[in-house]
C-alpha atoms as a PDB file:
ATOM      1  CA  MET A   1     -29.361 -15.801 -48.078  1.00  0.00           C
ATOM      2  CA  PRO A   2     -27.069 -18.833 -48.454  1.00  0.00           C
ATOM      3  CA  LYS A   3     -28.392 -22.604 -48.596  1.00  0.00           C
ATOM      4  CA  VAL A   4     -26.863 -25.411 -46.753  1.00  0.00           C
ATOM      5  CA  SER A   5     -27.418 -29.064 -47.558  1.00  0.00           C
ATOM      6  CA  ILE A   6     -27.384 -31.570 -44.507  1.00  0.00           C
ATOM      7  CA  ALA A   7     -25.263 -35.069 -45.186  1.00  0.00           C
ATOM      8  CA  ILE A   8     -26.389 -37.513 -42.537  1.00  0.00           C
ATOM      9  CA  PRO A   9     -24.851 -41.032 -43.325  1.00  0.00           C
ATOM     10  CA  THR A  10     -26.400 -43.935 -41.795  1.00  0.00           C
ATOM     11  CA  TYR A  11     -26.264 -47.506 -41.076  1.00  0.00           C
ATOM     12  CA  GLU A  12     -29.394 -49.796 -39.536  1.00  0.00           C
ATOM     13  CA  ARG A  13     -31.539 -47.002 -38.609  1.00  0.00           C
ATOM     14  CA  VAL A  14     -35.641 -45.599 -38.910  1.00  0.00           C
ATOM     15  CA  LYS A  15     -36.807 -43.758 -36.815  1.00  0.00           C
ATOM     16  CA  MET A  16     -34.047 -41.830 -34.615  1.00  0.00           C
ATOM     17  CA  LEU A  17     -33.105 -41.231 -38.691  1.00  0.00           C
ATOM     18  CA  PHE A  18     -35.716 -39.057 -39.564  1.00  0.00           C
ATOM     19  CA  GLU A  19     -36.183 -37.122 -36.331  1.00  0.00           C
ATOM     20  CA  SER A  20     -32.401 -35.817 -36.545  1.00  0.00           C
ATOM     21  CA  PHE A  21     -33.099 -33.365 -39.260  1.00  0.00           C
ATOM     22  CA  ALA A  22     -37.203 -33.188 -38.866  1.00  0.00           C
ATOM     23  CA  GLN A  23     -37.105 -29.684 -36.681  1.00  0.00           C
ATOM     24  CA  VAL A  24     -35.362 -27.958 -39.819  1.00  0.00           C
ATOM     25  CA  HIS A  25     -36.666 -29.776 -42.671  1.00  0.00           C
ATOM     26  CA  ASP A  26     -39.035 -27.342 -43.434  1.00  0.00           C
ATOM     27  CA  ASP A  27     -36.417 -24.386 -42.960  1.00  0.00           C
ATOM     28  CA  GLU A  28     -35.747 -22.166 -46.106  1.00  0.00           C
ATOM     29  CA  ARG A  29     -31.789 -22.416 -45.246  1.00  0.00           C
ATOM     30  CA  VAL A  30     -31.820 -25.820 -45.420  1.00  0.00           C
ATOM     31  CA  ASP A  31     -31.442 -26.578 -49.570  1.00  0.00           C
ATOM     32  CA  GLU A  32     -31.234 -30.630 -49.322  1.00  0.00           C
ATOM     33  CA  ILE A  33     -30.678 -33.196 -46.741  1.00  0.00           C
ATOM     34  CA  VAL A  34     -28.564 -35.894 -48.089  1.00  0.00           C
ATOM     35  CA  ILE A  35     -29.117 -39.174 -46.673  1.00  0.00           C
ATOM     36  CA  VAL A  36     -26.562 -42.155 -47.022  1.00  0.00           C
ATOM     37  CA  ASP A  37     -27.573 -45.577 -46.030  1.00  0.00           C
ATOM     38  CA  ASP A  38     -24.412 -47.694 -45.452  1.00  0.00           C
ATOM     39  CA  ALA A  39     -25.728 -50.966 -47.320  1.00  0.00           C
ATOM     40  CA  SER A  40     -28.531 -51.808 -44.064  1.00  0.00           C
ATOM     41  CA  SER A  41     -30.532 -54.505 -44.495  1.00  0.00           C
ATOM     42  CA  ASN A  42     -33.485 -54.286 -47.343  1.00  0.00           C
ATOM     43  CA  GLU A  43     -36.003 -54.212 -44.941  1.00  0.00           C
ATOM     44  CA  THR A  44     -34.161 -51.404 -42.995  1.00  0.00           C
ATOM     45  CA  PHE A  45     -33.535 -49.468 -46.243  1.00  0.00           C
ATOM     46  CA  GLU A  46     -37.258 -49.962 -47.761  1.00  0.00           C
ATOM     47  CA  SER A  47     -38.464 -48.163 -44.426  1.00  0.00           C
ATOM     48  CA  ILE A  48     -36.110 -45.385 -45.116  1.00  0.00           C
ATOM     49  CA  ARG A  49     -37.204 -44.905 -48.462  1.00  0.00           C
ATOM     50  CA  LYS A  50     -41.059 -44.995 -47.781  1.00  0.00           C
ATOM     51  CA  PHE A  51     -40.435 -42.119 -44.568  1.00  0.00           C
ATOM     52  CA  ALA A  52     -37.949 -40.663 -47.224  1.00  0.00           C
ATOM     53  CA  LEU A  53     -41.421 -39.706 -49.646  1.00  0.00           C
ATOM     54  CA  ASN A  54     -42.954 -37.484 -46.806  1.00  0.00           C
ATOM     55  CA  TYR A  55     -39.955 -35.014 -47.204  1.00  0.00           C
ATOM     56  CA  PRO A  56     -39.572 -33.909 -50.314  1.00  0.00           C
ATOM     57  CA  LYS A  57     -35.958 -31.662 -49.313  1.00  0.00           C
ATOM     58  CA  VAL A  58     -34.320 -35.433 -48.783  1.00  0.00           C
ATOM     59  CA  LYS A  59     -31.547 -36.968 -51.704  1.00  0.00           C
ATOM     60  CA  LEU A  60     -31.767 -40.907 -50.524  1.00  0.00           C
ATOM     61  CA  TYR A  61     -29.002 -43.072 -51.903  1.00  0.00           C
ATOM     62  CA  ARG A  62     -27.630 -46.162 -50.763  1.00  0.00           C
ATOM     63  CA  ASN A  63     -24.072 -47.850 -50.930  1.00  0.00           C
ATOM     64  CA  ALA A  64     -23.600 -51.135 -51.987  1.00  0.00           C
ATOM     65  CA  ASN A  65     -21.174 -52.671 -49.785  1.00  0.00           C
ATOM     66  CA  ASN A  66     -21.082 -51.337 -46.214  1.00  0.00           C
ATOM     67  CA  ARG A  67     -17.858 -49.081 -46.013  1.00  0.00           C
ATOM     68  CA  GLY A  68     -18.333 -48.084 -42.377  1.00  0.00           C
ATOM     69  CA  CYS A  69     -18.727 -44.518 -40.817  1.00  0.00           C
ATOM     70  CA  TYR A  70     -15.678 -42.847 -41.576  1.00  0.00           C
ATOM     71  CA  GLU A  71     -16.016 -43.453 -45.222  1.00  0.00           C
ATOM     72  CA  ASN A  72     -19.592 -42.587 -45.594  1.00  0.00           C
ATOM     73  CA  LYS A  73     -19.444 -39.357 -43.920  1.00  0.00           C
ATOM     74  CA  TYR A  74     -16.964 -38.743 -47.020  1.00  0.00           C
ATOM     75  CA  THR A  75     -19.646 -40.334 -49.332  1.00  0.00           C
ATOM     76  CA  ALA A  76     -22.414 -38.377 -48.055  1.00  0.00           C
ATOM     77  CA  LEU A  77     -20.675 -35.130 -48.557  1.00  0.00           C
ATOM     78  CA  SER A  78     -19.487 -35.857 -52.008  1.00  0.00           C
ATOM     79  CA  TRP A  79     -22.883 -36.034 -52.542  1.00  0.00           C
ATOM     80  CA  CYS A  80     -23.984 -32.853 -51.669  1.00  0.00           C
ATOM     81  CA  SER A  81     -24.879 -29.987 -54.405  1.00  0.00           C
ATOM     82  CA  ASN A  82     -24.154 -27.059 -51.752  1.00  0.00           C
ATOM     83  CA  ASP A  83     -20.589 -25.828 -51.109  1.00  0.00           C
ATOM     84  CA  TRP A  84     -21.581 -25.412 -47.078  1.00  0.00           C
ATOM     85  CA  CYS A  85     -23.252 -28.787 -44.909  1.00  0.00           C
ATOM     86  CA  ILE A  86     -23.824 -29.907 -41.558  1.00  0.00           C
ATOM     87  CA  LEU A  87     -22.099 -33.466 -41.385  1.00  0.00           C
ATOM     88  CA  LEU A  88     -25.133 -34.830 -38.947  1.00  0.00           C
ATOM     89  CA  ASP A  89     -24.858 -38.285 -37.247  1.00  0.00           C
ATOM     90  CA  SER A  90     -28.267 -40.099 -38.112  1.00  0.00           C
ATOM     91  CA  ASP A  91     -29.212 -40.566 -33.932  1.00  0.00           C
ATOM     92  CA  ASN A  92     -28.472 -36.851 -33.096  1.00  0.00           C
ATOM     93  CA  VAL A  93     -31.289 -34.421 -33.598  1.00  0.00           C
ATOM     94  CA  ILE A  94     -30.547 -30.434 -34.624  1.00  0.00           C
ATOM     95  CA  ASP A  95     -32.893 -27.607 -34.625  1.00  0.00           C
ATOM     96  CA  VAL A  96     -33.695 -24.075 -35.627  1.00  0.00           C
ATOM     97  CA  SER A  97     -31.553 -23.131 -33.224  1.00  0.00           C
ATOM     98  CA  TYR A  98     -28.268 -24.596 -34.810  1.00  0.00           C
ATOM     99  CA  LEU A  99     -29.245 -22.777 -38.046  1.00  0.00           C
ATOM    100  CA  ASP A 100     -29.410 -19.777 -35.929  1.00  0.00           C
ATOM    101  CA  ALA A 101     -26.074 -20.353 -34.759  1.00  0.00           C
ATOM    102  CA  ILE A 102     -24.368 -20.902 -37.817  1.00  0.00           C
ATOM    103  CA  PHE A 103     -26.419 -17.924 -39.913  1.00  0.00           C
ATOM    104  CA  SER A 104     -25.129 -15.585 -37.254  1.00  0.00           C
ATOM    105  CA  LEU A 105     -21.546 -15.827 -38.663  1.00  0.00           C
ATOM    106  CA  GLU A 106     -19.510 -15.367 -41.480  1.00  0.00           C
ATOM    107  CA  TRP A 107     -18.542 -18.425 -42.773  1.00  0.00           C
ATOM    108  CA  ASN A 108     -14.428 -18.501 -43.653  1.00  0.00           C
ATOM    109  CA  ALA A 109     -14.102 -21.809 -46.129  1.00  0.00           C
ATOM    110  CA  ASN A 110     -10.858 -22.127 -43.695  1.00  0.00           C
ATOM    111  CA  THR A 111     -12.531 -22.946 -40.931  1.00  0.00           C
ATOM    112  CA  VAL A 112     -14.464 -25.644 -39.407  1.00  0.00           C
ATOM    113  CA  TYR A 113     -17.411 -25.035 -37.211  1.00  0.00           C
ATOM    114  CA  ALA A 114     -17.955 -27.208 -34.024  1.00  0.00           C
ATOM    115  CA  PRO A 115     -20.802 -26.949 -31.356  1.00  0.00           C
ATOM    116  CA  VAL A 116     -20.175 -25.967 -27.579  1.00  0.00           C
ATOM    117  CA  PHE A 117     -22.570 -28.070 -25.971  1.00  0.00           C
ATOM    118  CA  ALA A 118     -23.547 -31.882 -26.947  1.00  0.00           C
ATOM    119  CA  LYS A 119     -26.948 -31.825 -24.662  1.00  0.00           C
ATOM    120  CA  PRO A 120     -27.508 -32.901 -22.415  1.00  0.00           C
ATOM    121  CA  ASN A 121     -24.246 -34.602 -21.313  1.00  0.00           C
ATOM    122  CA  PHE A 122     -21.392 -33.610 -23.249  1.00  0.00           C
ATOM    123  CA  ASP A 123     -21.000 -29.827 -21.888  1.00  0.00           C
ATOM    124  CA  TYR A 124     -18.043 -27.512 -24.272  1.00  0.00           C
ATOM    125  CA  ARG A 125     -19.257 -24.417 -23.034  1.00  0.00           C
ATOM    126  CA  GLU A 126     -16.223 -23.019 -21.723  1.00  0.00           C
ATOM    127  CA  PHE A 127     -14.806 -23.444 -24.789  1.00  0.00           C
ATOM    128  CA  SER A 128     -17.249 -20.667 -26.758  1.00  0.00           C
ATOM    129  CA  GLY A 129     -15.963 -18.627 -28.807  1.00  0.00           C
ATOM    130  CA  LEU A 130     -12.511 -20.763 -28.939  1.00  0.00           C
ATOM    131  CA  LEU A 131     -10.442 -20.638 -32.324  1.00  0.00           C
ATOM    132  CA  ILE A 132      -8.275 -23.803 -32.429  1.00  0.00           C
ATOM    133  CA  GLU A 133      -5.146 -23.561 -34.950  1.00  0.00           C
ATOM    134  CA  LYS A 134      -2.500 -25.704 -35.331  1.00  0.00           C
ATOM    135  CA  LYS A 135      -0.058 -23.019 -33.272  1.00  0.00           C
ATOM    136  CA  ASN A 136      -2.543 -23.458 -30.210  1.00  0.00           C
ATOM    137  CA  VAL A 137      -3.919 -27.321 -29.945  1.00  0.00           C
ATOM    138  CA  SER A 138      -0.953 -28.007 -27.420  1.00  0.00           C
ATOM    139  CA  LYS A 139      -2.559 -25.958 -25.081  1.00  0.00           C
ATOM    140  CA  TYR A 140      -6.300 -27.114 -25.158  1.00  0.00           C
ATOM    141  CA  ILE A 141      -5.637 -30.945 -25.805  1.00  0.00           C
ATOM    142  CA  ASP A 142      -5.849 -31.580 -22.035  1.00  0.00           C
ATOM    143  CA  LYS A 143      -8.197 -29.638 -20.387  1.00  0.00           C
ATOM    144  CA  PRO A 144     -11.180 -31.742 -19.677  1.00  0.00           C
ATOM    145  CA  MET A 145     -13.445 -32.793 -22.521  1.00  0.00           C
ATOM    146  CA  PHE A 146     -12.083 -30.957 -24.998  1.00  0.00           C
ATOM    147  CA  SER A 147     -10.635 -34.513 -26.866  1.00  0.00           C
ATOM    148  CA  THR A 148     -14.410 -35.163 -26.616  1.00  0.00           C
ATOM    149  CA  ALA A 149     -15.461 -32.391 -27.797  1.00  0.00           C
ATOM    150  CA  LEU A 150     -12.906 -33.040 -31.174  1.00  0.00           C
ATOM    151  CA  ASN A 151     -14.949 -36.090 -31.257  1.00  0.00           C
ATOM    152  CA  THR A 152     -18.137 -36.051 -31.240  1.00  0.00           C
ATOM    153  CA  ALA A 153     -18.484 -34.253 -34.317  1.00  0.00           C
ATOM    154  CA  ASN A 154     -21.913 -33.190 -35.786  1.00  0.00           C
ATOM    155  CA  PHE A 155     -19.691 -29.811 -37.471  1.00  0.00           C
ATOM    156  CA  PHE A 156     -20.743 -27.455 -39.790  1.00  0.00           C
ATOM    157  CA  VAL A 157     -18.005 -27.716 -43.019  1.00  0.00           C
ATOM    158  CA  ASN A 158     -16.428 -26.146 -46.198  1.00  0.00           C
ATOM    159  CA  LYS A 159     -17.333 -29.677 -48.350  1.00  0.00           C
ATOM    160  CA  LYS A 160     -14.172 -28.938 -49.929  1.00  0.00           C
ATOM    161  CA  THR A 161     -12.186 -28.346 -46.992  1.00  0.00           C
ATOM    162  CA  TYR A 162     -12.911 -31.059 -45.362  1.00  0.00           C
ATOM    163  CA  LEU A 163     -13.006 -33.778 -48.515  1.00  0.00           C
ATOM    164  CA  SER A 164      -9.336 -32.597 -49.554  1.00  0.00           C
ATOM    165  CA  ALA A 165      -8.240 -33.237 -45.973  1.00  0.00           C
ATOM    166  CA  TRP A 166      -9.624 -36.873 -45.769  1.00  0.00           C
ATOM    167  CA  CYS A 167      -7.073 -39.569 -45.814  1.00  0.00           C
ATOM    168  CA  SER A 168      -7.978 -43.053 -47.198  1.00  0.00           C
ATOM    169  CA  ASP A 169      -5.175 -44.818 -45.188  1.00  0.00           C
ATOM    170  CA  VAL A 170      -6.179 -45.307 -42.393  1.00  0.00           C
ATOM    171  CA  ASP A 171      -9.994 -46.044 -40.461  1.00  0.00           C
ATOM    172  CA  PRO A 172     -10.160 -45.045 -37.656  1.00  0.00           C
ATOM    173  CA  VAL A 173     -13.629 -45.876 -36.508  1.00  0.00           C
ATOM    174  CA  THR A 174     -15.141 -43.935 -33.584  1.00  0.00           C
ATOM    175  CA  ALA A 175     -11.892 -41.878 -33.226  1.00  0.00           C
ATOM    176  CA  ASP A 176     -12.579 -40.776 -36.964  1.00  0.00           C
ATOM    177  CA  SER A 177     -14.175 -37.083 -35.677  1.00  0.00           C
ATOM    178  CA  ILE A 178     -11.140 -36.422 -34.106  1.00  0.00           C
ATOM    179  CA  PHE A 179      -8.301 -37.603 -36.566  1.00  0.00           C
ATOM    180  CA  MET A 180     -10.208 -35.017 -38.976  1.00  0.00           C
ATOM    181  CA  CYS A 181      -9.977 -32.619 -36.751  1.00  0.00           C
ATOM    182  CA  TYR A 182      -5.871 -33.616 -36.615  1.00  0.00           C
ATOM    183  CA  LYS A 183      -5.836 -33.395 -40.794  1.00  0.00           C
ATOM    184  CA  MET A 184      -7.350 -30.553 -41.307  1.00  0.00           C
ATOM    185  CA  LEU A 185      -5.607 -28.366 -38.407  1.00  0.00           C
ATOM    186  CA  GLN A 186      -2.188 -30.062 -40.538  1.00  0.00           C
ATOM    187  CA  LYS A 187      -3.777 -28.590 -43.542  1.00  0.00           C
ATOM    188  CA  ASP A 188      -3.879 -25.280 -41.351  1.00  0.00           C
ATOM    189  CA  VAL A 189      -7.955 -25.045 -41.085  1.00  0.00           C
ATOM    190  CA  LYS A 190      -8.923 -23.619 -38.089  1.00  0.00           C
ATOM    191  CA  ILE A 191     -11.786 -24.736 -35.749  1.00  0.00           C
ATOM    192  CA  PHE A 192     -13.684 -22.445 -33.749  1.00  0.00           C
ATOM    193  CA  PHE A 193     -16.403 -23.372 -31.364  1.00  0.00           C
ATOM    194  CA  VAL A 194     -19.389 -21.518 -31.882  1.00  0.00           C
ATOM    195  CA  PRO A 195     -21.147 -20.093 -28.760  1.00  0.00           C
ATOM    196  CA  ASN A 196     -25.155 -21.137 -28.676  1.00  0.00           C
ATOM    197  CA  LEU A 197     -24.382 -24.107 -30.869  1.00  0.00           C
ATOM    198  CA  ILE A 198     -26.133 -26.555 -29.377  1.00  0.00           C
ATOM    199  CA  TYR A 199     -27.841 -30.229 -30.352  1.00  0.00           C
ATOM    200  CA  PHE A 200     -28.870 -33.018 -29.234  1.00  0.00           C
ATOM    201  CA  HIS A 201     -26.671 -36.055 -28.406  1.00  0.00           C
ATOM    202  CA  ARG A 202     -28.309 -39.257 -28.100  1.00  0.00           C
ATOM    203  CA  VAL A 203     -26.902 -42.101 -26.070  1.00  0.00           C
ATOM    204  CA  HIS A 204     -27.724 -45.769 -26.332  1.00  0.00           C
ATOM    205  CA  SER A 205     -26.608 -49.116 -26.724  1.00  0.00           C
ATOM    206  CA  GLY A 206     -26.940 -48.877 -30.601  1.00  0.00           C
ATOM    207  CA  SER A 207     -24.954 -46.298 -30.850  1.00  0.00           C
ATOM    208  CA  HIS A 208     -21.366 -46.103 -33.555  1.00  0.00           C
ATOM    209  CA  TYR A 209     -19.581 -45.760 -30.837  1.00  0.00           C
ATOM    210  CA  ILE A 210     -20.717 -48.627 -28.289  1.00  0.00           C
ATOM    211  CA  GLN A 211     -21.156 -50.538 -31.189  1.00  0.00           C
ATOM    212  CA  ASN A 212     -17.872 -50.598 -32.675  1.00  0.00           C
ATOM    213  CA  VAL A 213     -14.943 -48.955 -29.835  1.00  0.00           C
ATOM    214  CA  ASN A 214     -13.574 -52.108 -29.790  1.00  0.00           C
ATOM    215  CA  LYS A 215     -12.527 -52.310 -33.286  1.00  0.00           C
ATOM    216  CA  THR A 216     -10.585 -48.521 -33.317  1.00  0.00           C
ATOM    217  CA  PRO A 217      -7.318 -49.647 -33.774  1.00  0.00           C
ATOM    218  CA  PRO A 218      -5.660 -50.065 -30.374  1.00  0.00           C
ATOM    219  CA  GLY A 219      -3.388 -47.413 -29.640  1.00  0.00           C
ATOM    220  CA  PHE A 220      -4.923 -44.837 -32.188  1.00  0.00           C
ATOM    221  CA  LEU A 221      -7.059 -42.238 -30.307  1.00  0.00           C
ATOM    222  CA  ARG A 222      -3.653 -42.047 -27.499  1.00  0.00           C
ATOM    223  CA  SER A 223      -1.340 -41.321 -30.370  1.00  0.00           C
ATOM    224  CA  ILE A 224      -3.707 -38.581 -32.004  1.00  0.00           C
ATOM    225  CA  GLU A 225      -4.308 -36.715 -28.631  1.00  0.00           C
ATOM    226  CA  ASN A 226      -0.356 -37.391 -28.620  1.00  0.00           C
ATOM    227  CA  ASP A 227       0.452 -35.544 -32.076  1.00  0.00           C
ATOM    228  CA  LEU A 228      -1.742 -33.136 -30.849  1.00  0.00           C
ATOM    229  CA  ARG A 229       0.150 -32.013 -28.396  1.00  0.00           C
ATOM    230  CA  THR A 230       3.404 -31.554 -30.116  1.00  0.00           C
ATOM    231  CA  MET A 231       1.776 -29.492 -33.149  1.00  0.00           C
ATOM    232  CA  LYS A 232       3.227 -26.772 -34.502  1.00  0.00           C
END
């Protein structure tokens, strides 16, 4: 059976961080859980370090300087030893059903596997089984919730595919996931909405989106959506 890594970038979180993977830590399909702390306070990092002692699969790293969410996702994936990784936000939660859904597939390195329900608020199940490519993304970009589906992330990815599409020229801040989808589609990578691939998506005042949406370059999200409308 192939093994997967869980890559978790995090900043100033402890309890939610460990809740994010607790239900799958002991699953034999998970080989390692790579956590990269983005230069949180010493107090926060020490709490993370102590909690991590209870989870033998955890490999904990700390950035010397704050890199931001977009770059820290790249860093977390870079530290993973497996070819295939769940790129998980530190305030969301996956359970065994997430693993069951991805292990029911034949994985293709040229495909990103996307959830269809970020429960309880973001329901994309109308896209279940949909394969998005460069040639057809324009047909869907204006459908309700489609842009959001590309930007709530928590994808299952081939590490090499994701890292090779990553671009250092811009920091998309809270539009990082849809930007990465755009960059991968440009490279002819496909996005598959996996039936029954579901996770719990927390909405809270300390979320990356709420804390940093005002730092996203003005008009950036709209420009990406426009590029997707004209992609062929």
